Protein backbone atom coordinates (compact mmCIF):
# COMPACT_ATOMS: atom_id res chain seq x y z
CA MET A 1 -0.26 0.14 -0.04
CA LYS A 2 1.44 3.34 -1.06
CA ALA A 3 0.46 6.89 0.15
CA LYS A 4 1.26 10.02 -1.52
CA PHE A 5 2.29 13.19 0.64
CA ARG A 6 2.85 16.61 -0.71
CA GLY A 7 5.97 17.71 0.66
CA ALA A 8 6.50 21.76 1.19
CA ARG A 9 7.63 22.34 -2.03
CA ARG A 10 5.10 22.11 -5.23
CA GLY A 11 5.58 19.66 -7.25
CA PHE A 12 7.39 17.00 -5.46
CA THR A 13 5.56 13.64 -4.14
CA THR A 14 6.86 11.41 -1.62
CA SER A 15 5.55 7.97 -1.09
CA ALA A 16 5.79 5.70 1.93
CA ILE A 17 5.17 2.51 2.53
CA LEU A 18 2.75 1.52 5.46
CA PHE A 19 2.66 -1.79 7.30
CA PRO A 20 -0.27 -3.40 8.38
CA ALA A 21 -0.51 -3.50 12.15
CA PRO A 22 0.51 -6.58 13.88
CA SER A 23 -2.19 -9.30 14.51
CA LEU A 24 -3.57 -9.69 17.77
CA LYS A 25 -2.21 -12.80 17.85
CA ALA A 26 1.30 -11.79 17.49
CA ARG A 27 0.98 -8.71 19.80
CA GLY A 28 -0.83 -11.04 22.80
CA MET A 29 2.08 -13.37 22.67
CA SER A 30 4.88 -9.99 22.78
CA LEU A 31 2.65 -8.87 25.51
CA ALA A 32 2.38 -12.22 27.93
CA ARG A 33 6.25 -12.19 27.34
CA SER A 34 6.43 -9.03 28.93
CA GLN A 35 3.62 -8.88 31.86
CA LYS A 36 4.70 -9.73 35.46
CA GLY A 37 1.69 -12.08 36.35
CA LEU A 38 1.34 -15.17 38.35
CA SER A 39 1.36 -18.74 36.82
CA LEU A 40 -0.73 -21.47 38.38
CA ILE A 41 2.06 -23.14 39.99
CA GLU A 42 2.93 -20.14 42.11
CA VAL A 43 -0.15 -19.61 43.27
CA LEU A 44 -0.71 -23.44 44.01
CA ILE A 45 2.62 -23.19 45.56
CA ALA A 46 1.53 -20.01 47.89
CA VAL A 47 -1.09 -21.54 49.26
CA ALA A 48 0.41 -24.82 49.92
CA ILE A 49 2.87 -22.63 52.49
CA LEU A 50 -0.36 -21.09 53.73
CA GLY A 51 -1.58 -23.96 54.61
CA VAL A 52 1.69 -25.31 56.44
CA VAL A 53 1.62 -22.38 58.45
CA ALA A 54 -1.99 -22.40 59.21
CA VAL A 55 -1.60 -26.37 60.35
CA VAL A 56 1.31 -25.37 62.73
CA PHE A 57 -0.26 -22.35 63.98
CA LEU A 58 -3.43 -24.40 65.10
CA SER A 59 -1.43 -27.08 66.63
CA SER A 60 0.52 -24.98 68.86
CA LEU A 61 -3.23 -23.35 69.92
CA ALA A 62 -4.31 -26.86 70.80
CA THR A 63 -1.07 -27.68 72.79
CA SER A 64 -1.15 -24.82 74.67
CA SER A 65 -4.80 -25.15 75.22
CA LYS A 66 -4.01 -28.65 76.88
CA ALA A 67 -1.16 -27.12 78.67
CA ILE A 68 -3.33 -24.69 80.16
CA ILE A 69 -6.03 -27.31 80.75
CA ILE A 70 -2.89 -29.47 82.81
CA ALA A 71 -1.69 -26.39 84.45
CA ASP A 72 -5.10 -25.73 86.02
CA GLU A 73 -5.57 -29.23 87.42
CA ARG A 74 -2.52 -29.14 88.78
CA THR A 75 -3.07 -26.00 90.30
CA ASN A 76 -6.28 -26.87 91.90
CA ALA A 77 -4.92 -30.46 92.83
CA GLU A 78 -1.99 -28.41 95.10
CA SER A 79 -4.82 -26.24 96.58
CA LEU A 80 -6.98 -28.90 97.66
CA THR A 81 -3.85 -31.15 98.99
CA ARG A 82 -2.63 -28.37 101.17
CA SER A 83 -6.27 -27.41 102.46
CA GLU A 84 -6.71 -31.02 103.94
CA LEU A 85 -3.26 -31.30 104.84
CA GLU A 86 -3.90 -28.24 107.02
CA TYR A 87 -7.32 -29.65 107.97
CA VAL A 88 -5.87 -32.87 109.22
CA LYS A 89 -2.91 -31.07 111.19
CA SER A 90 -5.09 -28.82 112.74
CA GLN A 91 -7.38 -31.68 114.33
CA PRO A 92 -6.58 -33.42 117.77
CA PHE A 93 -4.34 -36.44 117.89
CA SER A 94 -6.02 -39.81 117.11
CA GLU A 95 -4.08 -42.97 118.36
CA ALA A 96 -4.96 -45.69 115.65
CA SER A 97 -4.53 -45.23 111.99
CA TRP A 98 -6.84 -43.68 109.93
CA SER A 99 -8.05 -42.47 106.55
CA TYR A 100 -11.22 -40.87 104.77
CA ILE A 101 -11.85 -39.98 101.59
CA VAL A 102 -13.91 -36.85 100.88
CA SER A 103 -15.54 -35.14 97.75
CA THR A 104 -17.99 -32.14 97.02
CA THR A 105 -21.20 -34.73 97.40
CA GLY A 106 -19.95 -36.07 100.90
CA TYR A 107 -17.10 -38.82 101.99
CA SER A 108 -17.02 -42.33 101.89
CA THR A 109 -18.85 -44.79 104.57
CA ASP A 110 -16.54 -47.33 104.35
CA SER A 111 -13.12 -45.73 105.79
CA ASN A 112 -11.24 -45.81 109.40
CA TYR A 113 -12.30 -42.91 110.07
CA PRO A 114 -10.09 -40.59 112.91
CA SER A 115 -11.44 -40.19 116.76
CA TRP A 116 -12.36 -36.55 115.96
CA TRP A 117 -14.56 -37.33 112.82
CA ASP A 118 -18.04 -36.81 113.24
CA ALA A 119 -19.93 -39.74 111.32
CA THR A 120 -23.17 -38.68 112.04
CA ASP A 121 -22.82 -35.91 110.34
CA PRO A 122 -23.64 -36.56 106.55
CA ASP A 123 -22.23 -32.82 105.67
CA PHE A 124 -19.31 -33.19 108.20
CA HIS A 125 -16.51 -32.55 106.06
CA LYS A 126 -17.23 -32.04 102.28
CA LEU A 127 -15.04 -30.26 99.91
CA HIS A 128 -15.74 -26.89 98.82
CA VAL A 129 -18.36 -26.68 95.45
CA GLU A 130 -14.72 -25.17 93.57
CA TYR A 131 -13.26 -28.38 93.97
CA SER A 132 -16.16 -30.08 92.23
CA GLY A 133 -14.98 -33.10 89.96
CA TYR A 134 -12.35 -33.74 92.46
CA SER A 135 -11.56 -35.98 95.49
CA ALA A 136 -9.09 -36.81 98.38
CA ASN A 137 -8.23 -39.48 100.01
CA ALA A 138 -6.50 -38.63 103.72
CA THR A 139 -4.51 -41.04 105.29
CA ALA A 140 -2.55 -41.20 108.56
CA GLU A 141 -0.62 -44.01 110.21
CA GLY A 142 2.74 -44.16 112.95
CA TYR A 143 6.05 -43.66 111.07
CA ASP A 144 9.08 -45.55 112.49
CA ALA A 145 11.61 -42.75 112.41
CA ASN A 146 14.49 -44.86 113.68
CA GLY A 147 13.97 -48.03 111.47
CA ASP A 148 13.44 -50.29 114.32
CA SER A 149 10.19 -51.76 112.95
CA HIS A 150 7.97 -49.88 115.73
CA ASP A 151 6.22 -46.56 114.88
CA ASP A 152 7.78 -44.07 117.04
CA SER A 153 5.30 -42.75 119.89
CA GLY A 154 3.93 -39.07 118.87
CA ILE A 155 5.25 -39.08 114.87
CA TRP A 156 2.35 -39.74 112.34
CA GLN A 157 3.05 -39.87 108.82
CA ILE A 158 0.10 -38.16 106.54
CA THR A 159 -0.42 -38.78 103.12
CA VAL A 160 -2.76 -36.89 101.03
CA GLN A 161 -3.70 -38.22 97.42
CA VAL A 162 -5.90 -35.90 94.78
CA TYR A 163 -8.13 -37.56 92.42
CA HIS A 164 -9.58 -35.64 89.40
CA SER A 165 -12.98 -37.72 90.14
CA GLU A 166 -15.42 -37.97 92.85
CA ASN A 167 -14.90 -41.33 93.36
CA PRO A 168 -10.78 -42.21 93.76
CA ASN A 169 -9.55 -44.07 90.52
CA PRO A 170 -5.66 -44.66 90.74
CA ASP A 171 -5.64 -43.74 86.76
CA ASP A 172 -7.30 -40.26 87.91
CA ARG A 173 -4.87 -39.42 90.33
CA VAL A 174 -3.04 -35.96 90.18
CA LEU A 175 -1.13 -35.65 93.04
CA THR A 176 -0.07 -37.04 96.14
CA THR A 177 1.70 -35.24 99.28
CA THR A 178 3.04 -36.62 102.63
CA THR A 179 4.01 -34.58 105.25
CA TYR A 180 4.41 -35.41 109.56
CA LYS A 181 2.47 -34.58 112.33
CA VAL A 182 4.29 -34.80 115.92
CA PHE A 183 2.09 -35.07 118.99
CA LEU A 184 3.69 -34.18 122.25
């Protein structure tokens, strides 16, 4: 295709050859090579990395939640143990070995109670409602301090076991604490 142009001077003509515009296909290919877009593989890799990060984050949340539950359980057990030990230490001396189990619903009826225990009152010694779901087993027996196979007069070993259930089960034991009481 030729086009004629008139020049500045009269009488002279200039001709130029015009080329057609490149086809859309050719233009599209040249644009695709120069564009900075994301391919499907790049998007899939980004989604996979994001998924791995999300799984790690959620598993750490689950682990920390479980750690909080365990810490709370042990804190309650320690508080209950201290409470029972102080309760027993504040009571008068009982000549024979004894034991009892208490919970928020009451106490066991098949225990060898200490002399200061009032077994006629069903509400004599219940755990406070804050210890709901726990029980404590307190035992006292003579202690042989010098190893001569005879209990020493006036020294008692007091053990409190705390369970995370209303009825003590060895599988539910949370804490066992032993202390001594001396009667003079």
